[in-house]
Structures are given as structure tokens and as C-alpha cells.
Amino acid sequence: MPEIEIDKHTRTEAIASIRRYCAENLEKEVGELAAGLLLQYFFDELGPIIYNKAITDVQKLLGRRVADLSGELYAPEFTYWPELEKKRRQHR
């Protein structure tokens, strides 16, 4: 799995969220360094689980889409003459 990288702003927001979660739900003040280490732990340990689930979900979705291509994109053949006759009947 590729290493999870997030931009600086997102990392800052994630660390702030972890710190707030710990303070409000665990009644434990966590510093920025500890929250950053916890975030990296989540990426390293839990990231592959989420990543693999996302890959599986996308494979299923694409499989359904590919299976439906013929129904979704099918173009009828030899329609020129029937369509022309239909137009002629409408104009009479």
C-alpha cells in the first residue's frame, strides 16, 4: 500500500481533532507531538484496512458498471431505414 500522505493543513486539523477527542471523550489532555504520533500510528496500523476496503468497494462498483455497459451504451444497428419510414409516416 502506498504511504498515506496528507497536506500540512489537513495534518494540523487531524491533530487538533485527535487532541479534542482525547480531551472530551477520554478526559486526557494530549499534546501536539503525542497526537501527531497517534495519527501516524492510525495511518500505519489502520490505514491498510481502510485502503483495502476502499479498493474492494471500487472494484465492486466498477464491476457493476462494466457489467451494465452493454445495456447502458448499446447502440441499435441498422436503424436508418426504419427511422426514415417512421419520419415519413409522421409527415403524412
Protein backbone atom coordinates (compact mmCIF):
# COMPACT_ATOMS: atom_id res chain seq x y z
CA MET A 1 0.00 0.00 0.00
CA PRO A 2 1.33 3.45 -0.79
CA GLU A 3 2.28 5.56 2.21
CA ILE A 4 -0.53 7.84 3.28
CA GLU A 5 0.42 11.46 2.84
CA ILE A 6 -1.73 14.43 3.72
CA ASP A 7 -1.04 18.11 3.29
CA LYS A 8 0.15 20.23 6.22
CA HIS A 9 -3.22 21.92 6.77
CA THR A 10 -5.09 18.59 6.86
CA ARG A 11 -2.49 17.12 9.24
CA THR A 12 -2.86 20.13 11.54
CA GLU A 13 -6.65 19.76 11.53
CA ALA A 14 -6.40 16.00 12.17
CA ILE A 15 -4.05 16.52 15.12
CA ALA A 16 -6.37 19.18 16.57
CA SER A 17 -9.29 16.77 16.18
CA ILE A 18 -7.41 13.98 17.97
CA ARG A 19 -6.47 16.33 20.80
CA ARG A 20 -10.07 17.47 21.19
CA TYR A 21 -11.36 13.88 21.07
CA CYS A 22 -8.96 12.83 23.82
CA ALA A 23 -9.86 15.84 25.98
CA GLU A 24 -13.63 15.45 25.58
CA ASN A 25 -14.02 11.67 25.50
CA LEU A 26 -11.05 10.33 27.42
CA GLU A 27 -10.69 13.26 29.80
CA LYS A 28 -6.99 13.26 28.91
CA GLU A 29 -5.06 16.24 27.60
CA VAL A 30 -2.78 15.14 24.77
CA GLY A 31 -0.02 17.32 23.37
CA GLU A 32 0.56 18.05 19.71
CA LEU A 33 3.50 15.63 19.46
CA ALA A 34 1.55 12.77 21.06
CA ALA A 35 -1.46 13.44 18.82
CA GLY A 36 0.81 13.50 15.76
CA LEU A 37 2.34 10.17 16.77
CA LEU A 38 -1.14 8.74 17.31
CA LEU A 39 -2.20 9.98 13.88
CA GLN A 40 0.82 8.29 12.30
CA TYR A 41 0.01 5.09 14.19
CA PHE A 42 -3.54 5.19 12.80
CA PHE A 43 -2.15 5.64 9.29
CA ASP A 44 0.34 2.80 9.67
CA GLU A 45 -1.85 0.32 11.52
CA LEU A 46 -5.41 1.09 10.40
CA GLY A 47 -4.74 2.79 7.07
CA PRO A 48 -4.28 -0.51 5.19
CA ILE A 49 -7.64 -1.79 6.46
CA ILE A 50 -9.45 1.30 5.18
CA TYR A 51 -7.41 1.35 1.96
CA ASN A 52 -8.16 -2.31 1.18
CA LYS A 53 -11.86 -1.83 1.90
CA ALA A 54 -11.95 1.17 -0.44
CA ILE A 55 -10.24 -0.86 -3.18
CA THR A 56 -12.76 -3.69 -2.73
CA ASP A 57 -15.68 -1.25 -2.84
CA VAL A 58 -14.37 0.40 -6.01
CA GLN A 59 -13.81 -2.99 -7.66
CA LYS A 60 -17.42 -3.96 -6.92
CA LEU A 61 -18.73 -0.64 -8.20
CA LEU A 62 -16.67 -0.78 -11.38
CA GLY A 63 -17.64 -4.43 -11.88
CA ARG A 64 -21.33 -3.48 -11.80
CA ARG A 65 -20.72 -0.57 -14.16
CA VAL A 66 -18.73 -2.69 -16.62
CA ALA A 67 -21.33 -5.45 -16.48
CA ASP A 68 -24.00 -2.91 -17.41
CA LEU A 69 -22.05 -1.33 -20.29
CA SER A 70 -23.91 -3.22 -22.98
CA GLY A 71 -27.28 -2.19 -21.54
CA GLU A 72 -26.18 1.35 -20.83
CA LEU A 73 -24.26 2.10 -24.02
CA TYR A 74 -25.74 -0.32 -26.55
CA ALA A 75 -26.42 1.31 -29.90
CA PRO A 76 -29.04 -0.36 -32.09
CA GLU A 77 -27.85 -1.38 -35.54
CA PHE A 78 -29.40 -0.77 -38.95
CA THR A 79 -31.83 1.90 -37.80
CA TYR A 80 -31.56 4.28 -40.76
CA TRP A 81 -34.40 2.84 -42.86
CA PRO A 82 -36.82 2.14 -40.01
CA GLU A 83 -36.28 5.66 -38.66
CA LEU A 84 -36.74 7.17 -42.12
CA GLU A 85 -40.00 5.28 -42.60
CA LYS A 86 -41.17 6.42 -39.18
CA LYS A 87 -40.45 10.06 -40.08
CA ARG A 88 -42.25 9.70 -43.42
CA ARG A 89 -45.37 8.32 -41.70
CA GLN A 90 -45.34 11.20 -39.21
CA HIS A 91 -45.21 13.79 -42.00
CA ARG A 92 -48.21 12.39 -43.88
